[in-house]
Protein backbone atom coordinates (compact mmCIF):
# COMPACT_ATOMS: atom_id res chain seq x y z
CA UNK A 1 0.00 0.00 0.00
CA UNK A 2 1.31 3.44 -0.96
CA UNK A 3 1.70 5.67 2.03
CA UNK A 4 1.64 9.43 1.53
CA UNK A 5 3.65 11.57 3.88
CA UNK A 6 3.64 15.27 4.41
CA UNK A 7 7.17 16.61 3.91
CA UNK A 8 6.63 19.38 6.43
CA UNK A 9 6.70 16.78 9.22
CA UNK A 10 10.38 16.22 8.48
CA UNK A 11 11.44 19.86 8.82
CA UNK A 12 13.64 21.07 11.63
CA UNK A 13 12.01 24.36 12.68
CA UNK A 14 15.21 26.00 13.98
CA UNK A 15 17.07 25.14 10.77
CA UNK A 16 14.20 26.61 8.74
CA UNK A 17 14.38 29.84 10.81
CA UNK A 18 18.16 29.99 10.40
CA UNK A 19 17.85 29.63 6.64
CA UNK A 20 15.12 32.29 6.54
CA UNK A 21 17.44 34.71 8.35
CA UNK A 22 20.44 33.82 6.19
CA UNK A 23 18.46 34.17 2.95
CA UNK A 24 16.91 37.46 4.10
CA UNK A 25 20.30 38.97 4.91
CA UNK A 26 21.73 37.68 1.63
CA UNK A 27 19.03 39.61 -0.27
CA UNK A 28 19.45 42.74 1.86
CA UNK A 29 21.95 45.36 0.76
CA UNK A 30 22.48 46.82 4.20
CA UNK A 31 23.56 45.78 7.66
CA UNK A 32 20.68 45.45 10.13
CA UNK A 33 20.18 45.39 13.89
CA UNK A 34 19.05 42.13 15.45
CA UNK A 35 15.57 43.50 16.27
CA UNK A 36 15.10 44.53 12.64
CA UNK A 37 16.08 41.06 11.46
CA UNK A 38 13.69 39.41 13.93
CA UNK A 39 10.83 41.63 12.79
CA UNK A 40 11.47 41.09 9.09
CA UNK A 41 11.76 37.30 9.40
CA UNK A 42 8.95 36.80 11.94
CA UNK A 43 11.31 35.05 14.34
CA UNK A 44 11.41 35.55 18.09
CA UNK A 45 14.18 37.77 19.44
CA UNK A 46 15.63 34.84 21.42
CA UNK A 47 15.77 32.54 18.39
CA UNK A 48 17.12 35.35 16.23
CA UNK A 49 19.89 36.04 18.75
CA UNK A 50 20.96 32.39 18.92
CA UNK A 51 20.81 31.90 15.17
CA UNK A 52 22.72 35.10 14.40
CA UNK A 53 25.44 34.35 16.96
CA UNK A 54 25.87 30.89 15.44
CA UNK A 55 26.02 32.28 11.89
CA UNK A 56 28.59 34.88 12.96
CA UNK A 57 30.74 32.22 14.66
CA UNK A 58 30.57 30.03 11.55
CA UNK A 59 31.47 32.99 9.29
CA UNK A 60 28.20 33.26 7.35
CA UNK A 61 27.40 36.69 8.82
CA UNK A 62 29.59 39.62 9.80
CA UNK A 63 28.94 41.85 12.79
CA UNK A 64 29.81 45.53 12.68
CA UNK A 65 31.13 47.44 15.65
CA UNK A 66 27.71 49.06 16.14
CA UNK A 67 25.91 45.69 16.40
CA UNK A 68 24.59 45.38 12.87
CA UNK A 69 24.70 42.16 10.89
CA UNK A 70 25.08 41.46 7.19
CA UNK A 71 25.64 38.49 4.94
CA UNK A 72 29.34 37.78 4.71
CA UNK A 73 30.18 37.91 1.02
CA UNK A 74 33.72 36.89 1.96
CA UNK A 75 32.47 33.40 2.89
CA UNK A 76 33.65 31.40 -0.09
CA UNK A 77 31.61 28.36 0.90
CA UNK A 78 28.36 30.15 0.02
CA UNK A 79 29.19 33.00 -2.31
CA UNK A 80 29.97 31.03 -5.51
CA UNK A 81 26.59 29.29 -5.46
CA UNK A 82 24.52 32.46 -5.14
CA UNK A 83 22.68 34.19 -7.94
CA UNK A 84 24.38 37.47 -8.78
CA UNK A 85 21.33 39.58 -7.97
CA UNK A 86 21.19 38.12 -4.45
CA UNK A 87 24.72 38.99 -3.39
CA UNK A 88 24.88 42.04 -1.16
CA UNK A 89 27.01 45.03 -2.05
CA UNK A 90 30.72 44.32 -1.61
CA UNK A 91 32.50 45.64 1.42
CA UNK A 92 34.75 48.64 1.15
CA UNK A 93 38.44 47.93 1.65
CA UNK A 94 38.23 49.27 5.21
CA UNK A 95 35.26 47.03 6.03
CA UNK A 96 37.06 43.99 4.63
CA UNK A 97 40.04 44.75 6.85
CA UNK A 98 37.80 45.17 9.91
CA UNK A 99 36.01 41.89 9.16
CA UNK A 100 39.31 40.07 8.71
CA UNK A 101 40.70 41.49 11.98
CA UNK A 102 37.45 40.70 13.79
CA UNK A 103 37.49 37.11 12.55
CA UNK A 104 41.14 36.74 13.49
CA UNK A 105 40.49 38.04 17.01
CA UNK A 106 37.44 35.78 17.41
CA UNK A 107 39.41 32.71 16.26
CA UNK A 108 42.33 33.59 18.53
CA UNK A 109 40.00 34.02 21.52
CA UNK A 110 38.40 30.63 20.77
CA UNK A 111 41.80 28.95 20.59
CA UNK A 112 42.92 30.54 23.85
CA UNK A 113 39.72 29.46 25.54
CA UNK A 114 40.10 25.91 24.22
CA UNK A 115 43.68 25.74 25.54
CA UNK A 116 42.52 26.75 29.04
CA UNK A 117 39.74 24.14 29.14
CA UNK A 118 40.43 21.34 31.70
């Protein structure tokens, strides 16, 4: 007997929210505050915070010094597969340097923390 299933039952809600946020920021040409992202994607502030922090740690998003987030066009894992009209405006040279320094500092802090772990 053929059994029909509803594909929605196999979704992981948090992954769906994370992809919604990532795709929204990819289409957006500006950096946004976390509250703005939550409002635009209909996600709770708590979920948005956790998702954004994870995406920043993994390098998919960049965080500016004033707490705004944008899709990280420097992430080579995602950028080649994107449609050209979806890629956000490229960073200025100064922004690229700040992102690189920020990522370096974050990675260094993670390594130092891992070395201190019992």
